């Protein structure tokens, strides 16, 4: 839920607030705020993903699905 919320904030000018995502995710507003900061720290506040890297990881994920 945190990843979806951050992606919405990154790509859209109009998005729901953290309280909405917390309610949808069944967690407290305090928890979603904490998760948002933790997520952003893990990615060094860099939300842009190079398309070549994206498709590389996408291919890896798809190959894992096909193996199962």
N, C-alpha and C. Protein backbone atom coordinates (compact mmCIF):
# COMPACT_ATOMS: atom_id res chain seq x y z
N UNK A 1 0.83 -1.19 0.00
CA UNK A 1 0.00 0.00 0.00
C UNK A 1 0.88 1.26 0.00
N UNK A 2 2.02 1.16 0.66
CA UNK A 2 2.92 2.32 0.72
C UNK A 2 3.48 2.65 -0.66
N UNK A 3 3.88 1.61 -1.39
CA UNK A 3 4.41 1.82 -2.74
C UNK A 3 3.39 2.44 -3.67
N UNK A 4 2.14 1.99 -3.57
CA UNK A 4 1.07 2.55 -4.40
C UNK A 4 0.84 4.01 -4.05
N UNK A 5 0.83 4.31 -2.77
CA UNK A 5 0.61 5.69 -2.32
C UNK A 5 1.72 6.61 -2.82
N UNK A 6 2.95 6.18 -2.68
CA UNK A 6 4.07 7.01 -3.12
C UNK A 6 4.07 7.17 -4.62
N UNK A 7 3.75 6.10 -5.35
CA UNK A 7 3.68 6.20 -6.82
C UNK A 7 2.60 7.19 -7.23
N UNK A 8 1.45 7.17 -6.56
CA UNK A 8 0.38 8.11 -6.89
C UNK A 8 0.83 9.54 -6.64
N UNK A 9 1.53 9.76 -5.55
CA UNK A 9 2.02 11.11 -5.25
C UNK A 9 3.06 11.56 -6.27
N UNK A 10 3.88 10.63 -6.74
CA UNK A 10 4.94 10.95 -7.69
C UNK A 10 4.38 11.27 -9.07
N UNK A 11 3.38 10.49 -9.52
CA UNK A 11 2.89 10.62 -10.88
C UNK A 11 1.68 11.53 -11.05
N UNK A 12 0.88 11.70 -10.02
CA UNK A 12 -0.37 12.44 -10.15
C UNK A 12 -0.32 13.77 -9.39
N UNK A 13 -0.93 14.78 -10.00
CA UNK A 13 -1.06 16.07 -9.31
C UNK A 13 -2.13 16.02 -8.23
N UNK A 14 -3.12 15.17 -8.42
CA UNK A 14 -4.22 15.03 -7.46
C UNK A 14 -4.22 13.59 -6.95
N UNK A 15 -4.07 13.43 -5.64
CA UNK A 15 -4.02 12.11 -5.05
C UNK A 15 -4.68 12.15 -3.68
N UNK A 16 -5.02 10.97 -3.18
CA UNK A 16 -5.61 10.88 -1.85
C UNK A 16 -4.54 11.13 -0.79
N UNK A 17 -4.97 11.55 0.39
CA UNK A 17 -4.00 11.79 1.46
C UNK A 17 -3.62 10.48 2.15
N UNK A 18 -2.62 10.56 3.01
CA UNK A 18 -2.12 9.36 3.69
C UNK A 18 -3.20 8.68 4.53
N UNK A 19 -4.08 9.47 5.12
CA UNK A 19 -5.14 8.90 5.95
C UNK A 19 -6.03 7.96 5.14
N UNK A 20 -6.32 8.33 3.90
CA UNK A 20 -7.13 7.49 3.03
C UNK A 20 -6.43 6.14 2.77
N UNK A 21 -5.14 6.20 2.42
CA UNK A 21 -4.40 4.96 2.14
C UNK A 21 -4.27 4.10 3.40
N UNK A 22 -4.12 4.73 4.53
CA UNK A 22 -4.05 3.98 5.78
C UNK A 22 -5.36 3.23 6.02
N UNK A 23 -6.47 3.90 5.78
CA UNK A 23 -7.77 3.27 5.99
C UNK A 23 -7.97 2.10 5.03
N UNK A 24 -7.62 2.30 3.76
CA UNK A 24 -7.73 1.24 2.75
C UNK A 24 -6.84 0.06 3.13
N UNK A 25 -5.64 0.35 3.63
CA UNK A 25 -4.69 -0.69 4.00
C UNK A 25 -4.93 -1.33 5.35
N UNK A 26 -5.87 -0.78 6.09
CA UNK A 26 -6.20 -1.34 7.40
C UNK A 26 -5.13 -1.07 8.46
N UNK A 27 -4.43 0.05 8.32
CA UNK A 27 -3.41 0.42 9.29
C UNK A 27 -3.67 1.84 9.75
N UNK A 28 -2.95 2.25 10.78
CA UNK A 28 -3.17 3.60 11.30
C UNK A 28 -2.46 4.64 10.42
N UNK A 29 -2.92 5.86 10.55
CA UNK A 29 -2.29 6.96 9.82
C UNK A 29 -0.84 7.13 10.25
N UNK A 30 -0.58 6.95 11.54
CA UNK A 30 0.78 7.05 12.06
C UNK A 30 1.67 6.00 11.40
N UNK A 31 1.15 4.79 11.22
CA UNK A 31 1.93 3.70 10.61
C UNK A 31 2.22 3.98 9.14
N UNK A 32 1.23 4.46 8.39
CA UNK A 32 1.47 4.75 6.96
C UNK A 32 2.48 5.88 6.81
N UNK A 33 2.43 6.87 7.70
CA UNK A 33 3.42 7.95 7.66
C UNK A 33 4.83 7.40 7.91
N UNK A 34 4.93 6.51 8.87
CA UNK A 34 6.22 5.89 9.19
C UNK A 34 6.72 5.04 8.03
N UNK A 35 5.83 4.27 7.42
CA UNK A 35 6.20 3.42 6.29
C UNK A 35 6.63 4.26 5.08
N UNK A 36 5.98 5.39 4.90
CA UNK A 36 6.34 6.26 3.78
C UNK A 36 7.77 6.78 3.94
N UNK A 37 8.10 7.24 5.11
CA UNK A 37 9.46 7.74 5.37
C UNK A 37 10.48 6.61 5.23
N UNK A 38 10.15 5.44 5.76
CA UNK A 38 11.07 4.30 5.67
C UNK A 38 11.30 3.90 4.20
N UNK A 39 10.23 3.83 3.44
CA UNK A 39 10.33 3.49 2.01
C UNK A 39 11.22 4.50 1.28
N UNK A 40 10.95 5.77 1.50
CA UNK A 40 11.72 6.82 0.82
C UNK A 40 13.19 6.79 1.22
N UNK A 41 13.47 6.49 2.47
CA UNK A 41 14.86 6.36 2.90
C UNK A 41 15.54 5.18 2.21
N UNK A 42 14.83 4.06 2.07
CA UNK A 42 15.40 2.88 1.40
C UNK A 42 15.78 3.17 -0.04
N UNK A 43 15.00 4.01 -0.71
CA UNK A 43 15.29 4.32 -2.12
C UNK A 43 16.04 5.66 -2.25
N UNK A 44 16.56 6.15 -1.14
CA UNK A 44 17.30 7.42 -1.12
C UNK A 44 16.52 8.56 -1.75
N UNK A 45 15.22 8.55 -1.54
CA UNK A 45 14.31 9.58 -2.05
C UNK A 45 14.37 9.70 -3.57
N UNK A 46 14.83 8.68 -4.24
CA UNK A 46 14.92 8.66 -5.70
C UNK A 46 13.81 7.75 -6.23
N UNK A 47 12.80 8.36 -6.83
CA UNK A 47 11.65 7.59 -7.31
C UNK A 47 11.69 7.32 -8.81
N UNK A 48 12.61 7.93 -9.51
CA UNK A 48 12.73 7.69 -10.94
C UNK A 48 13.41 6.34 -11.17
N UNK A 49 12.85 5.55 -12.07
CA UNK A 49 13.45 4.28 -12.46
C UNK A 49 13.74 4.34 -13.95
N UNK A 50 14.98 4.13 -14.31
CA UNK A 50 15.38 4.11 -15.71
C UNK A 50 14.61 3.00 -16.43
N UNK A 51 14.03 3.28 -17.60
CA UNK A 51 13.25 2.26 -18.31
C UNK A 51 14.03 0.98 -18.60
N UNK A 52 15.31 1.07 -18.88
CA UNK A 52 16.10 -0.14 -19.15
C UNK A 52 16.17 -1.01 -17.90
N UNK A 53 16.39 -0.39 -16.74
CA UNK A 53 16.43 -1.13 -15.49
C UNK A 53 15.06 -1.72 -15.16
N UNK A 54 14.00 -0.95 -15.40
CA UNK A 54 12.65 -1.44 -15.15
C UNK A 54 12.38 -2.71 -15.95
N UNK A 55 12.67 -2.69 -17.24
CA UNK A 55 12.40 -3.85 -18.08
C UNK A 55 13.30 -5.04 -17.74
N UNK A 56 14.49 -4.77 -17.25
CA UNK A 56 15.40 -5.83 -16.81
C UNK A 56 14.77 -6.59 -15.63
N UNK A 57 14.32 -5.84 -14.63
CA UNK A 57 13.69 -6.47 -13.47
C UNK A 57 12.34 -7.09 -13.83
N UNK A 58 11.61 -6.45 -14.71
CA UNK A 58 10.33 -7.01 -15.17
C UNK A 58 10.54 -8.37 -15.79
N UNK A 59 11.56 -8.49 -16.63
CA UNK A 59 11.85 -9.75 -17.29
C UNK A 59 12.23 -10.82 -16.27
N UNK A 60 13.00 -10.45 -15.26
CA UNK A 60 13.37 -11.40 -14.21
C UNK A 60 12.13 -11.91 -13.48
N UNK A 61 11.22 -11.00 -13.15
CA UNK A 61 10.00 -11.40 -12.46
C UNK A 61 9.14 -12.31 -13.32
N UNK A 62 9.01 -11.95 -14.59
CA UNK A 62 8.20 -12.78 -15.49
C UNK A 62 8.81 -14.17 -15.67
N UNK A 63 10.12 -14.25 -15.72
CA UNK A 63 10.75 -15.56 -15.87
C UNK A 63 10.52 -16.42 -14.62
N UNK A 64 10.43 -15.83 -13.45
CA UNK A 64 10.14 -16.56 -12.23
C UNK A 64 8.72 -17.11 -12.24
N UNK A 65 7.80 -16.33 -12.78
CA UNK A 65 6.41 -16.77 -12.86
C UNK A 65 6.28 -17.94 -13.82
N UNK A 66 6.97 -17.88 -14.94
CA UNK A 66 6.89 -18.94 -15.96
C UNK A 66 7.48 -20.25 -15.45
N UNK A 67 8.47 -20.18 -14.56
CA UNK A 67 9.11 -21.39 -14.03
C UNK A 67 8.20 -22.14 -13.08
N UNK A 68 7.26 -21.49 -12.47
CA UNK A 68 6.40 -22.12 -11.47
C UNK A 68 5.23 -22.78 -12.08
